[in-house]
Protein backbone atom coordinates (compact mmCIF):
# COMPACT_ATOMS: atom_id res chain seq x y z
CA UNK A 1 34.86 -53.83 18.97
CA UNK A 2 33.55 -54.04 15.40
CA UNK A 3 30.70 -51.69 16.22
CA UNK A 4 33.12 -49.20 17.75
CA UNK A 5 35.36 -49.28 14.67
CA UNK A 6 32.43 -49.17 12.24
CA UNK A 7 30.80 -46.22 14.00
CA UNK A 8 33.90 -44.19 14.85
CA UNK A 9 34.73 -41.27 12.61
CA UNK A 10 38.43 -42.05 13.10
CA UNK A 11 38.55 -45.28 11.07
CA UNK A 12 37.64 -46.49 7.61
CA UNK A 13 36.34 -50.00 8.16
CA UNK A 14 36.73 -52.12 5.03
CA UNK A 15 34.46 -55.14 5.25
CA UNK A 16 33.78 -55.98 1.61
CA UNK A 17 33.98 -52.30 0.72
CA UNK A 18 35.80 -49.96 -1.62
CA UNK A 19 37.41 -46.81 -0.27
CA UNK A 20 38.70 -44.05 -2.49
CA UNK A 21 41.70 -42.09 -1.24
CA UNK A 22 41.92 -38.74 -3.01
CA UNK A 23 45.02 -36.57 -3.30
CA UNK A 24 44.31 -33.49 -5.41
CA UNK A 25 43.59 -34.71 -8.95
CA UNK A 26 44.74 -38.25 -8.17
CA UNK A 27 43.17 -41.13 -6.32
CA UNK A 28 43.69 -44.70 -5.20
CA UNK A 29 41.01 -47.34 -4.88
CA UNK A 30 41.29 -49.75 -1.94
CA UNK A 31 39.17 -52.78 -1.25
CA UNK A 32 39.19 -54.68 2.02
CA UNK A 33 37.70 -58.03 2.93
CA UNK A 34 38.20 -59.97 6.19
CA UNK A 35 37.27 -63.53 5.21
CA UNK A 36 39.46 -66.52 5.88
CA UNK A 37 38.97 -70.27 5.75
CA UNK A 38 37.90 -72.05 8.92
CA UNK A 39 40.81 -73.80 10.59
CA UNK A 40 41.53 -75.40 13.92
CA UNK A 41 38.88 -76.09 16.50
CA UNK A 42 35.98 -73.74 16.92
CA UNK A 43 34.95 -70.78 14.83
CA UNK A 44 36.68 -67.45 14.96
CA UNK A 45 35.58 -64.11 13.53
CA UNK A 46 35.22 -64.03 9.73
CA UNK A 47 36.03 -67.72 9.32
CA UNK A 48 33.87 -69.53 6.80
CA UNK A 49 34.12 -72.90 5.07
CA UNK A 50 36.81 -72.85 2.37
CA UNK A 51 34.32 -73.85 -0.33
CA UNK A 52 32.30 -70.63 0.25
CA UNK A 53 35.29 -68.29 -0.19
CA UNK A 54 35.08 -67.98 -4.02
CA UNK A 55 31.75 -66.15 -3.77
CA UNK A 56 33.38 -63.62 -1.42
CA UNK A 57 36.26 -63.02 -3.84
CA UNK A 58 33.85 -62.53 -6.75
CA UNK A 59 32.74 -59.25 -5.16
CA UNK A 60 36.24 -57.74 -5.40
CA UNK A 61 36.10 -54.98 -8.06
CA UNK A 62 38.43 -55.33 -11.03
CA UNK A 63 39.61 -51.70 -10.97
CA UNK A 64 41.19 -51.53 -7.52
CA UNK A 65 44.77 -50.43 -6.88
CA UNK A 66 45.22 -51.94 -3.42
CA UNK A 67 43.60 -55.12 -2.11
CA UNK A 68 43.60 -55.84 1.63
CA UNK A 69 42.59 -59.34 2.73
CA UNK A 70 43.08 -61.30 5.91
CA UNK A 71 44.21 -64.53 4.30
CA UNK A 72 46.96 -64.88 1.69
CA UNK A 73 46.55 -66.18 -1.82
CA UNK A 74 47.84 -69.71 -2.36
CA UNK A 75 51.57 -69.96 -2.96
CA UNK A 76 52.43 -66.40 -1.93
CA UNK A 77 54.05 -65.97 1.50
CA UNK A 78 51.61 -68.54 2.87
CA UNK A 79 53.82 -71.32 4.26
CA UNK A 80 52.90 -72.14 7.85
CA UNK A 81 55.14 -73.54 10.61
CA UNK A 82 54.81 -77.05 9.14
CA UNK A 83 55.86 -75.79 5.70
CA UNK A 84 52.36 -76.25 4.27
CA UNK A 85 50.96 -73.72 1.84
CA UNK A 86 47.91 -72.35 3.65
CA UNK A 87 46.67 -69.70 1.23
CA UNK A 88 43.49 -69.74 -0.80
CA UNK A 89 43.59 -71.01 -4.40
CA UNK A 90 40.42 -69.16 -5.40
CA UNK A 91 41.81 -65.90 -3.98
CA UNK A 92 44.99 -66.44 -5.99
CA UNK A 93 42.92 -66.89 -9.14
CA UNK A 94 40.96 -63.68 -8.44
CA UNK A 95 44.09 -61.63 -7.67
CA UNK A 96 45.78 -62.90 -10.85
CA UNK A 97 42.73 -61.80 -12.83
CA UNK A 98 42.23 -58.31 -11.37
CA UNK A 99 45.95 -57.53 -10.93
CA UNK A 100 45.97 -54.90 -8.17
CA UNK A 101 49.23 -52.99 -7.82
CA UNK A 102 49.45 -54.14 -4.20
CA UNK A 103 47.90 -56.99 -2.22
CA UNK A 104 48.34 -56.74 1.57
CA UNK A 105 47.39 -59.61 3.85
CA UNK A 106 48.51 -61.41 7.01
CA UNK A 107 47.09 -64.45 8.80
CA UNK A 108 50.10 -66.73 8.22
CA UNK A 109 52.65 -65.17 10.54
CA UNK A 110 55.56 -67.23 9.24
CA UNK A 111 55.05 -65.71 5.77
CA UNK A 112 55.85 -62.13 6.82
CA UNK A 113 57.60 -60.16 4.08
CA UNK A 114 57.38 -59.03 0.47
CA UNK A 115 57.11 -60.90 -2.81
CA UNK A 116 56.65 -59.50 -6.31
CA UNK A 117 55.05 -61.74 -8.89
CA UNK A 118 53.34 -61.04 -12.22
CA UNK A 119 53.60 -57.27 -11.66
CA UNK A 120 51.81 -57.45 -8.30
CA UNK A 121 53.51 -56.62 -5.01
CA UNK A 122 52.34 -58.99 -2.29
CA UNK A 123 52.94 -58.01 1.33
CA UNK A 124 52.33 -60.37 4.23
CA UNK A 125 52.18 -57.77 6.98
CA UNK A 126 51.65 -60.15 9.91
CA UNK A 127 52.48 -57.96 12.88
CA UNK A 128 53.68 -60.59 15.34
CA UNK A 129 56.12 -63.44 14.85
CA UNK A 130 54.29 -66.73 15.22
CA UNK A 131 54.26 -68.14 18.73
CA UNK A 132 55.81 -65.07 20.36
CA UNK A 133 55.13 -61.51 21.39
CA UNK A 134 57.98 -60.20 19.23
CA UNK A 135 56.71 -57.68 16.71
CA UNK A 136 57.75 -57.76 13.06
CA UNK A 137 59.08 -54.45 11.77
CA UNK A 138 56.62 -52.45 9.68
CA UNK A 139 56.89 -52.61 5.90
CA UNK A 140 56.68 -49.12 4.40
CA UNK A 141 55.85 -48.53 0.73
CA UNK A 142 55.60 -45.36 -1.31
CA UNK A 143 53.04 -45.22 -4.13
CA UNK A 144 53.63 -42.74 -6.98
CA UNK A 145 50.18 -41.54 -7.98
CA UNK A 146 51.36 -40.08 -11.29
CA UNK A 147 53.03 -43.33 -12.40
CA UNK A 148 50.39 -45.52 -10.71
CA UNK A 149 52.97 -47.81 -9.14
CA UNK A 150 54.98 -48.45 -6.01
CA UNK A 151 58.31 -46.65 -6.27
CA UNK A 152 60.01 -47.11 -2.92
CA UNK A 153 60.28 -50.00 -0.54
CA UNK A 154 61.50 -49.77 3.01
CA UNK A 155 61.08 -53.36 4.19
CA UNK A 156 61.79 -54.62 7.67
CA UNK A 157 64.17 -57.56 7.89
CA UNK A 158 67.13 -57.96 5.56
CA UNK A 159 65.76 -61.20 4.08
CA UNK A 160 62.68 -59.36 2.82
CA UNK A 161 64.92 -56.80 1.11
CA UNK A 162 66.96 -59.54 -0.54
CA UNK A 163 63.78 -61.20 -1.85
CA UNK A 164 62.53 -57.87 -3.12
CA UNK A 165 65.73 -57.05 -4.99
CA UNK A 166 65.60 -60.45 -6.70
CA UNK A 167 62.00 -59.95 -7.80
CA UNK A 168 61.90 -56.18 -8.46
CA UNK A 169 61.97 -56.70 -12.22
CA UNK A 170 58.40 -57.95 -11.92
CA UNK A 171 57.13 -54.40 -11.22
CA UNK A 172 58.33 -52.72 -14.42
């Protein structure tokens, strides 16, 4: 499947890569990376030992607007079914340093939703509710290229909207 996606002209495959989206005189820089810490039994795609993750995060450019990762940063929409924070501390440190406008991730299905912290919008876009086939509603954002910030949120469930309203001051 990876080869199909990598070689298809219909996709932009972001495996430790920057992609520039251009709109007239304006642009957005995206960076995507698939790595996640090994968990459970057996190895799955892009899982590596937790102690090797910092070297992956060091390659994230400091000038990006949107960061897309598989795993969440520690303490941000990362609580699993047992209530444990499952995110990555070194990723959190990197994100806090580079301060993208938006960080999109998934992996921890129970953490689905939006959180704004330190001027960064974090979106856990896990598509399926954990342990079921029920899909989460999409989270739609509008990015104003002139102002270089997210200006409109159309989140899925009502609880995500409530959380966003409480934390919206963090984006100004």
